[in-house]
N, C-alpha and C. Protein backbone atom coordinates (compact mmCIF):
# COMPACT_ATOMS: atom_id res chain seq x y z
N MET A 1 49.75 16.63 -57.72
CA MET A 1 48.77 15.69 -57.32
C MET A 1 48.41 17.56 -57.04
N THR A 2 47.53 17.36 -57.01
CA THR A 2 46.90 18.45 -55.54
C THR A 2 45.51 18.22 -54.06
N HIS A 3 46.00 19.64 -53.28
CA HIS A 3 45.91 19.66 -52.22
C HIS A 3 43.88 20.39 -52.15
N ASN A 4 43.80 19.85 -51.15
CA ASN A 4 42.32 19.73 -50.40
C ASN A 4 42.69 20.36 -49.65
N GLU A 5 44.28 20.51 -49.33
CA GLU A 5 43.58 21.10 -47.55
C GLU A 5 43.41 20.62 -46.13
N ILE A 6 43.11 18.87 -46.72
CA ILE A 6 42.46 18.45 -45.87
C ILE A 6 43.45 16.79 -45.86
N ASP A 7 44.07 17.06 -44.62
CA ASP A 7 45.14 15.94 -43.72
C ASP A 7 44.28 14.31 -44.16
N ILE A 8 44.87 13.30 -44.04
CA ILE A 8 44.08 12.18 -43.32
C ILE A 8 44.71 12.13 -42.44
N ASP A 9 45.52 12.25 -42.02
CA ASP A 9 44.92 12.50 -40.07
C ASP A 9 43.33 13.39 -40.07
N GLN A 10 43.37 14.62 -40.37
CA GLN A 10 41.84 14.83 -40.53
C GLN A 10 40.87 14.51 -40.91
N TYR A 11 41.02 13.53 -42.46
CA TYR A 11 39.77 12.60 -42.86
C TYR A 11 39.37 11.71 -41.90
N LEU A 12 39.93 10.63 -41.31
CA LEU A 12 40.13 9.65 -40.24
C LEU A 12 39.27 10.08 -39.02
N LEU A 13 39.41 11.59 -38.34
CA LEU A 13 39.04 12.12 -38.31
C LEU A 13 37.78 12.17 -38.21
N LEU A 14 37.78 12.70 -40.12
CA LEU A 14 35.61 13.16 -39.83
C LEU A 14 34.80 11.69 -40.55
N ILE A 15 35.82 10.78 -40.84
CA ILE A 15 35.22 9.64 -40.53
C ILE A 15 34.53 9.33 -38.72
N ILE A 16 35.17 9.31 -38.39
CA ILE A 16 35.62 8.57 -37.11
C ILE A 16 34.09 9.67 -36.40
N TYR A 17 34.13 10.96 -36.48
CA TYR A 17 32.46 11.39 -35.49
C TYR A 17 31.65 11.26 -36.03
N PRO A 18 31.41 11.35 -37.13
CA PRO A 18 30.03 10.11 -36.59
C PRO A 18 29.67 9.17 -36.71
N SER A 19 30.75 8.48 -36.48
CA SER A 19 30.31 7.09 -36.66
C SER A 19 29.91 6.63 -35.16
N ILE A 20 31.03 7.29 -34.12
CA ILE A 20 30.65 7.99 -32.97
C ILE A 20 29.34 8.10 -32.14
N VAL A 21 28.48 8.83 -33.43
CA VAL A 21 27.50 9.44 -32.44
C VAL A 21 26.43 8.65 -33.18
N LEU A 22 27.12 7.99 -34.68
CA LEU A 22 26.08 7.43 -34.18
C LEU A 22 25.69 5.82 -33.62
N PHE A 23 26.59 5.64 -33.23
CA PHE A 23 26.62 4.15 -32.70
C PHE A 23 26.27 4.49 -30.88
N SER A 24 26.38 5.37 -30.48
CA SER A 24 26.00 5.80 -29.00
C SER A 24 24.22 6.14 -29.04
N ALA A 25 24.14 6.55 -30.60
CA ALA A 25 23.02 7.27 -30.80
C ALA A 25 21.65 5.44 -31.08
N GLY A 26 22.36 4.65 -31.64
CA GLY A 26 22.08 3.13 -31.71
C GLY A 26 22.09 2.70 -29.62
N TYR A 27 22.88 2.92 -29.71
CA TYR A 27 23.05 1.74 -28.00
C TYR A 27 21.85 2.73 -27.18
N VAL A 28 21.85 4.02 -27.04
CA VAL A 28 21.55 4.99 -26.61
C VAL A 28 20.05 4.17 -26.16
N SER A 29 19.33 4.31 -27.02
CA SER A 29 17.91 4.18 -27.98
C SER A 29 17.67 2.52 -27.90
N LYS A 30 18.46 1.86 -27.73
CA LYS A 30 18.65 0.21 -28.03
C LYS A 30 18.47 0.22 -26.54
N LYS A 31 19.50 0.44 -25.76
CA LYS A 31 18.81 0.77 -23.92
C LYS A 31 17.92 1.57 -23.66
N MET A 32 17.10 2.41 -23.94
CA MET A 32 15.83 3.26 -23.44
C MET A 32 14.97 2.16 -24.44
N GLY A 33 15.11 1.28 -25.39
CA GLY A 33 13.40 0.84 -25.44
C GLY A 33 13.11 1.53 -26.25
N ILE A 34 13.63 1.86 -27.33
CA ILE A 34 12.17 3.10 -28.17
C ILE A 34 12.61 2.32 -29.70
N LYS A 35 11.46 1.75 -30.02
CA LYS A 35 10.89 1.68 -31.38
C LYS A 35 12.29 1.18 -32.01
N VAL A 36 12.12 0.73 -33.26
CA VAL A 36 13.66 0.28 -34.26
C VAL A 36 13.12 1.37 -35.37
N HIS A 37 12.47 1.20 -35.54
CA HIS A 37 11.79 3.13 -36.70
C HIS A 37 12.58 4.49 -36.29
N PHE A 38 12.18 4.89 -34.72
CA PHE A 38 12.13 5.56 -35.06
C PHE A 38 14.41 5.54 -34.83
N ARG A 39 14.63 4.34 -33.76
CA ARG A 39 16.20 4.32 -34.29
C ARG A 39 17.25 4.59 -35.43
N TYR A 40 15.43 3.68 -36.19
CA TYR A 40 16.63 4.06 -37.78
C TYR A 40 16.21 5.88 -38.65
N LEU A 41 15.20 6.01 -38.28
CA LEU A 41 15.28 8.29 -37.48
C LEU A 41 16.13 8.42 -38.01
N THR A 42 16.39 8.54 -36.92
CA THR A 42 17.52 9.52 -35.62
C THR A 42 18.85 9.07 -36.48
N GLU A 43 19.39 7.78 -36.90
CA GLU A 43 20.51 8.13 -37.57
C GLU A 43 20.43 8.11 -38.26
N ALA A 44 19.24 7.82 -39.15
CA ALA A 44 18.78 8.98 -40.38
C ALA A 44 18.45 9.69 -40.43
N ILE A 45 18.14 11.26 -39.59
CA ILE A 45 18.75 12.82 -39.23
C ILE A 45 20.29 12.89 -39.13
N ILE A 46 20.93 11.88 -37.87
CA ILE A 46 21.89 12.77 -38.20
C ILE A 46 23.30 11.77 -39.30
N CYS A 47 22.41 10.58 -40.01
CA CYS A 47 23.79 10.98 -41.50
C CYS A 47 23.63 12.20 -42.34
N ILE A 48 22.12 12.22 -42.16
CA ILE A 48 21.83 13.97 -43.57
C ILE A 48 22.11 14.78 -42.59
N SER A 49 22.69 14.93 -41.47
CA SER A 49 23.26 16.85 -40.79
C SER A 49 24.40 16.44 -41.16
N PHE A 50 25.04 15.18 -40.63
CA PHE A 50 26.64 15.18 -40.67
C PHE A 50 27.18 15.69 -41.92
N ALA A 51 26.44 15.01 -43.36
CA ALA A 51 26.20 14.66 -44.77
C ALA A 51 26.41 16.76 -45.20
N ILE A 52 25.81 17.02 -44.64
CA ILE A 52 25.12 18.96 -45.11
C ILE A 52 26.85 20.03 -43.80
N ILE A 53 26.59 19.82 -43.29
CA ILE A 53 27.80 19.83 -42.14
C ILE A 53 28.50 19.82 -42.85
N TYR A 54 29.01 19.12 -43.29
CA TYR A 54 30.96 18.56 -44.13
C TYR A 54 30.62 19.43 -45.63
N TYR A 55 29.49 18.66 -46.15
CA TYR A 55 30.05 20.03 -47.50
C TYR A 55 29.04 21.42 -47.25
N LEU A 56 28.81 22.04 -45.82
CA LEU A 56 28.99 23.34 -46.73
C LEU A 56 30.42 24.53 -45.58
N PHE A 57 30.80 23.58 -44.76
CA PHE A 57 32.23 24.24 -44.44
C PHE A 57 33.07 23.37 -43.72
N LEU A 58 33.32 22.48 -45.03
CA LEU A 58 34.66 21.94 -45.29
C LEU A 58 35.14 23.07 -46.92
N SER A 59 36.00 23.08 -46.19
CA SER A 59 36.99 23.98 -47.79
C SER A 59 37.47 22.87 -48.32
N ASN A 60 36.89 23.38 -50.62
CA ASN A 60 37.55 23.09 -52.00
C ASN A 60 36.86 21.26 -51.84
N GLY A 61 36.37 21.64 -50.50
CA GLY A 61 35.03 19.94 -51.93
C GLY A 61 35.83 18.94 -51.29
N GLY A 62 36.65 18.57 -49.99
CA GLY A 62 37.92 18.26 -49.33
C GLY A 62 36.92 16.41 -49.16
N ALA A 63 35.72 16.95 -48.82
CA ALA A 63 35.17 15.00 -48.00
C ALA A 63 33.30 15.04 -48.74
N ASN A 64 33.66 15.27 -50.82
CA ASN A 64 32.85 15.37 -50.88
C ASN A 64 32.04 13.57 -50.91
N GLY A 65 33.68 12.92 -51.18
CA GLY A 65 33.08 11.53 -51.81
C GLY A 65 32.99 11.16 -50.23
N LEU A 66 33.37 11.35 -48.58
CA LEU A 66 32.86 11.30 -47.16
C LEU A 66 31.09 11.82 -47.53
N VAL A 67 31.07 12.80 -47.73
CA VAL A 67 29.29 13.43 -48.40
C VAL A 67 28.99 12.49 -48.41
N LEU A 68 29.03 11.96 -50.17
CA LEU A 68 28.26 11.58 -50.69
C LEU A 68 27.71 10.02 -50.43
N VAL A 69 28.57 9.72 -49.20
CA VAL A 69 28.16 8.42 -48.27
C VAL A 69 27.44 7.63 -47.48
N LEU A 70 28.02 9.06 -46.69
CA LEU A 70 26.86 9.85 -45.35
C LEU A 70 25.20 9.78 -45.88
N LEU A 71 25.43 10.40 -46.52
CA LEU A 71 23.84 10.94 -48.42
C LEU A 71 23.03 9.50 -48.04
N LEU A 72 23.98 8.43 -48.44
CA LEU A 72 23.44 6.77 -49.42
C LEU A 72 23.06 6.16 -47.67
N ILE A 73 24.11 6.90 -46.79
CA ILE A 73 23.13 6.44 -45.62
C ILE A 73 22.50 6.70 -45.27
N GLY A 74 21.97 7.95 -44.83
CA GLY A 74 21.31 8.75 -44.24
C GLY A 74 19.47 7.97 -45.67
N ILE A 75 20.18 8.29 -46.72
CA ILE A 75 18.81 7.41 -47.65
C ILE A 75 19.13 6.31 -46.82
N PHE A 76 19.77 5.09 -47.50
CA PHE A 76 19.29 4.48 -46.94
C PHE A 76 17.84 4.21 -45.59
N LEU A 77 18.99 4.38 -44.50
CA LEU A 77 18.06 4.21 -43.37
C LEU A 77 17.22 4.53 -43.04
N LEU A 78 16.41 6.48 -43.73
CA LEU A 78 15.50 5.80 -43.93
C LEU A 78 13.91 5.44 -45.17
N TYR A 79 15.06 4.04 -45.52
CA TYR A 79 13.72 3.91 -46.67
C TYR A 79 13.53 2.26 -45.52
N MET A 80 15.14 1.62 -44.43
CA MET A 80 15.06 1.61 -44.13
C MET A 80 13.59 2.34 -42.15
N THR A 81 13.57 3.27 -42.27
CA THR A 81 12.68 3.63 -41.88
C THR A 81 10.90 3.17 -41.91
N LYS A 82 10.45 3.20 -42.98
CA LYS A 82 10.16 3.39 -43.90
C LYS A 82 9.11 2.09 -44.03
N LYS A 83 10.26 1.30 -44.60
CA LYS A 83 10.30 -0.34 -44.12
C LYS A 83 9.78 -0.74 -43.46
N LYS A 84 10.06 -0.56 -42.01
CA LYS A 84 10.79 -1.37 -40.49
C LYS A 84 8.56 -0.89 -40.55
N TYR A 85 8.46 0.42 -40.50
CA TYR A 85 6.61 1.04 -40.28
C TYR A 85 6.16 0.27 -40.57
N VAL A 86 6.03 0.57 -42.47
CA VAL A 86 4.61 -0.67 -42.44
C VAL A 86 4.86 -1.88 -42.60
N HIS A 87 5.93 -2.86 -41.86
CA HIS A 87 6.24 -4.03 -41.49
C HIS A 87 5.56 -4.89 -39.92
N ASN A 88 5.99 -3.31 -39.50
CA ASN A 88 5.18 -3.65 -37.46
C ASN A 88 3.14 -2.76 -38.17
N GLU A 89 3.11 -2.39 -38.75
CA GLU A 89 1.40 -2.47 -39.69
C GLU A 89 0.66 -3.25 -38.77
N ASP A 90 1.28 -3.51 -40.39
CA ASP A 90 1.92 -5.39 -41.15
C ASP A 90 1.29 -6.25 -40.02
N ASP A 91 1.64 -6.79 -38.80
CA ASP A 91 1.54 -6.96 -37.80
C ASP A 91 0.89 -7.30 -36.30
N MET A 92 0.42 -6.14 -37.34
CA MET A 92 -0.93 -5.42 -35.68
C MET A 92 -1.66 -5.79 -36.02
N LYS A 93 -2.06 -6.05 -37.82
CA LYS A 93 -2.88 -5.71 -38.29
C LYS A 93 -3.49 -7.59 -38.16
N THR A 94 -2.34 -8.42 -38.04
CA THR A 94 -2.53 -10.10 -38.79
C THR A 94 -3.13 -10.31 -36.77
N GLN A 95 -2.74 -9.66 -36.16
CA GLN A 95 -2.53 -10.36 -34.84
C GLN A 95 -4.67 -9.75 -34.15
N LEU A 96 -4.40 -9.33 -34.37
CA LEU A 96 -5.79 -8.78 -33.18
C LEU A 96 -6.63 -9.41 -34.62
């Protein structure tokens, strides 16, 4: 079996770091009363930036699966941002 220079404990830490940042950003933005689409946009930026950092700085493609998952979550959050933003504009038009 090939070794990609990342042990299982390091890999678990690589999973935990973005999770902590995402949950704390969501918690802080919820407590501050920031709109949902800005919260999703912030979380998408965090996921995509972690994916880029992991792709560029981890050796031998040790976390390519994690990079792919983070990119997919970031893209999904961008889609949810667009959906919430359009949905909120529709609600405002119907209230007027």
